[in-house]
C-alpha atoms as a PDB file:
ATOM      1  CA  MET A   1      10.508   2.764  -8.520  1.00  0.00           C
ATOM      2  CA  SER A   2       9.325   1.214  -5.200  1.00  0.00           C
ATOM      3  CA  GLN A   3       7.903   4.977  -4.718  1.00  0.00           C
ATOM      4  CA  ALA A   4       5.325   4.250  -7.147  1.00  0.00           C
ATOM      5  CA  LEU A   5       4.353   1.170  -7.099  1.00  0.00           C
ATOM      6  CA  SER A   6       3.689   1.503  -3.045  1.00  0.00           C
ATOM      7  CA  GLY A   7       1.011   4.553  -3.921  1.00  0.00           C
ATOM      8  CA  ARG A   8      -1.506   2.648  -5.266  1.00  0.00           C
ATOM      9  CA  THR A   9      -0.698  -0.550  -2.392  1.00  0.00           C
ATOM     10  CA  SER A  10      -1.100   1.649  -0.511  1.00  0.00           C
ATOM     11  CA  VAL A  11      -4.630   4.084  -1.769  1.00  0.00           C
ATOM     12  CA  ILE A  12      -6.041  -0.232  -2.343  1.00  0.00           C
ATOM     13  CA  ARG A  13      -5.204  -1.544   1.318  1.00  0.00           C
ATOM     14  CA  VAL A  14      -6.597   2.156   3.307  1.00  0.00           C
ATOM     15  CA  GLY A  15      -9.941   2.086   0.033  1.00  0.00           C
ATOM     16  CA  VAL A  16     -11.277  -1.121   2.164  1.00  0.00           C
ATOM     17  CA  VAL A  17     -12.144   0.240   4.978  1.00  0.00           C
ATOM     18  CA  PRO A  18     -15.699   1.183   5.317  1.00  0.00           C
ATOM     19  CA  GLY A  19     -16.855   5.330   5.183  1.00  0.00           C
ATOM     20  CA  LEU A  20     -13.136   6.343   5.467  1.00  0.00           C
ATOM     21  CA  PHE A  21     -12.806   7.098   2.111  1.00  0.00           C
ATOM     22  CA  THR A  22     -15.748   8.158  -0.615  1.00  0.00           C
ATOM     23  CA  GLY A  23     -13.591   7.819  -3.642  1.00  0.00           C
ATOM     24  CA  ALA A  24      -9.460   6.605  -4.853  1.00  0.00           C
ATOM     25  CA  ILE A  25      -7.128   6.746  -7.617  1.00  0.00           C
ATOM     26  CA  MET A  26      -4.520   4.416  -8.536  1.00  0.00           C
ATOM     27  CA  GLU A  27      -2.209   4.805 -10.853  1.00  0.00           C
ATOM     28  CA  SER A  28       0.358   1.716 -10.139  1.00  0.00           C
ATOM     29  CA  GLY A  29       1.054  -1.603  -8.480  1.00  0.00           C
ATOM     30  CA  THR A  30      -1.190  -3.616  -6.914  1.00  0.00           C
ATOM     31  CA  THR A  31      -1.199  -5.312  -3.586  1.00  0.00           C
ATOM     32  CA  LEU A  32       0.525  -8.199  -4.564  1.00  0.00           C
ATOM     33  CA  SER A  33       3.312  -6.453  -5.741  1.00  0.00           C
ATOM     34  CA  PRO A  34       6.126  -8.525  -3.802  1.00  0.00           C
ATOM     35  CA  TRP A  35       7.176  -5.995  -1.338  1.00  0.00           C
ATOM     36  CA  ALA A  36       3.086  -6.068  -0.071  1.00  0.00           C
ATOM     37  CA  LYS A  37       2.354 -10.085   0.990  1.00  0.00           C
ATOM     38  CA  GLY A  38       4.688 -12.167   2.475  1.00  0.00           C
ATOM     39  CA  ARG A  39       6.875 -10.786   5.090  1.00  0.00           C
ATOM     40  CA  ASP A  40       7.051 -10.739   8.838  1.00  0.00           C
ATOM     41  CA  PHE A  41       5.901  -6.324   8.549  1.00  0.00           C
ATOM     42  CA  LEU A  42       7.334  -6.301  12.480  1.00  0.00           C
ATOM     43  CA  ALA A  43      10.454  -7.793  11.787  1.00  0.00           C
ATOM     44  CA  THR A  44      10.776  -6.324   8.505  1.00  0.00           C
ATOM     45  CA  ALA A  45      10.282  -2.217  10.375  1.00  0.00           C
ATOM     46  CA  GLN A  46      12.742  -4.017  12.877  1.00  0.00           C
ATOM     47  CA  ALA A  47      15.810  -4.722  10.783  1.00  0.00           C
ATOM     48  CA  VAL A  48      15.217  -0.919   9.863  1.00  0.00           C
ATOM     49  CA  ALA A  49      14.871   0.913  12.896  1.00  0.00           C
ATOM     50  CA  GLU A  50      18.218  -1.293  13.564  1.00  0.00           C
ATOM     51  CA  ARG A  51      19.740  -0.025  10.845  1.00  0.00           C
ATOM     52  CA  PHE A  52      19.015   4.033  11.950  1.00  0.00           C
ATOM     53  CA  ASP A  53      19.753   2.770  15.777  1.00  0.00           C
ATOM     54  CA  CYS A  54      15.918   3.212  16.253  1.00  0.00           C
ATOM     55  CA  PRO A  55      14.506   0.710  18.983  1.00  0.00           C
ATOM     56  CA  THR A  56      12.908  -1.904  18.683  1.00  0.00           C
ATOM     57  CA  LEU A  57      10.499  -2.441  21.026  1.00  0.00           C
ATOM     58  CA  PRO A  58       8.159  -0.678  21.814  1.00  0.00           C
ATOM     59  CA  THR A  59       6.976  -0.707  18.743  1.00  0.00           C
ATOM     60  CA  ASP A  60       5.427   2.881  19.748  1.00  0.00           C
ATOM     61  CA  ASP A  61       9.201   3.932  19.864  1.00  0.00           C
ATOM     62  CA  LEU A  62      10.503   2.372  17.099  1.00  0.00           C
ATOM     63  CA  VAL A  63       7.754   3.835  15.454  1.00  0.00           C
ATOM     64  CA  ALA A  64       7.857   7.388  16.677  1.00  0.00           C
ATOM     65  CA  CYS A  65      12.252   7.155  16.254  1.00  0.00           C
ATOM     66  CA  LEU A  66      12.057   5.922  12.224  1.00  0.00           C
ATOM     67  CA  GLN A  67       9.339   9.577  11.794  1.00  0.00           C
ATOM     68  CA  THR A  68      12.218  11.326  12.316  1.00  0.00           C
ATOM     69  CA  VAL A  69      14.375   9.336   9.812  1.00  0.00           C
ATOM     70  CA  GLY A  70      14.322  10.727   5.968  1.00  0.00           C
ATOM     71  CA  ALA A  71      12.148   9.674   3.859  1.00  0.00           C
ATOM     72  CA  HIS A  72      14.641   8.770   0.735  1.00  0.00           C
ATOM     73  CA  LEU A  73      16.497   7.322   3.778  1.00  0.00           C
ATOM     74  CA  LEU A  74      13.734   4.791   4.693  1.00  0.00           C
ATOM     75  CA  ASP A  75      13.182   4.252   0.900  1.00  0.00           C
ATOM     76  CA  MET A  76      16.833   3.078   0.099  1.00  0.00           C
ATOM     77  CA  SER A  77      16.669   1.303   3.456  1.00  0.00           C
ATOM     78  CA  TYR A  78      13.763  -1.055   1.117  1.00  0.00           C
ATOM     79  CA  PHE A  79      16.639  -0.938  -1.447  1.00  0.00           C
ATOM     80  CA  THR A  80      19.244  -2.706   0.722  1.00  0.00           C
ATOM     81  CA  LEU A  81      17.100  -4.723   2.345  1.00  0.00           C
ATOM     82  CA  TYR A  82      15.236  -6.368  -0.077  1.00  0.00           C
ATOM     83  CA  VAL A  83      16.648  -5.561  -3.873  1.00  0.00           C
ATOM     84  CA  ARG A  84      20.179  -5.548  -2.629  1.00  0.00           C
ATOM     85  CA  PRO A  85      20.993  -6.467   0.415  1.00  0.00           C
ATOM     86  CA  ASN A  86      24.647  -6.590   0.806  1.00  0.00           C
ATOM     87  CA  THR A  87      24.497  -2.641  -0.552  1.00  0.00           C
ATOM     88  CA  ASP A  88      25.540  -0.241   2.199  1.00  0.00           C
ATOM     89  CA  LEU A  89      23.524   3.079   2.975  1.00  0.00           C
END
């Protein structure tokens, strides 16, 4: 479910950047989704990075390392961090 919800939210967020896009189709989710607001996003990225033995700082290294992790594992990390925190990957 998180993949479907993130699509619309991502489109909304980048759609407000002037000159970036001329139109967009939003099919699901909202920027008001609980996962899309109200968290410390750096702390979240660092928590995910730790699960995959990635460095947490500098952030460039964190991002580079997470980009090597499979999308399905990253999606599962969201589930285990926020939906069912006591679930192992």
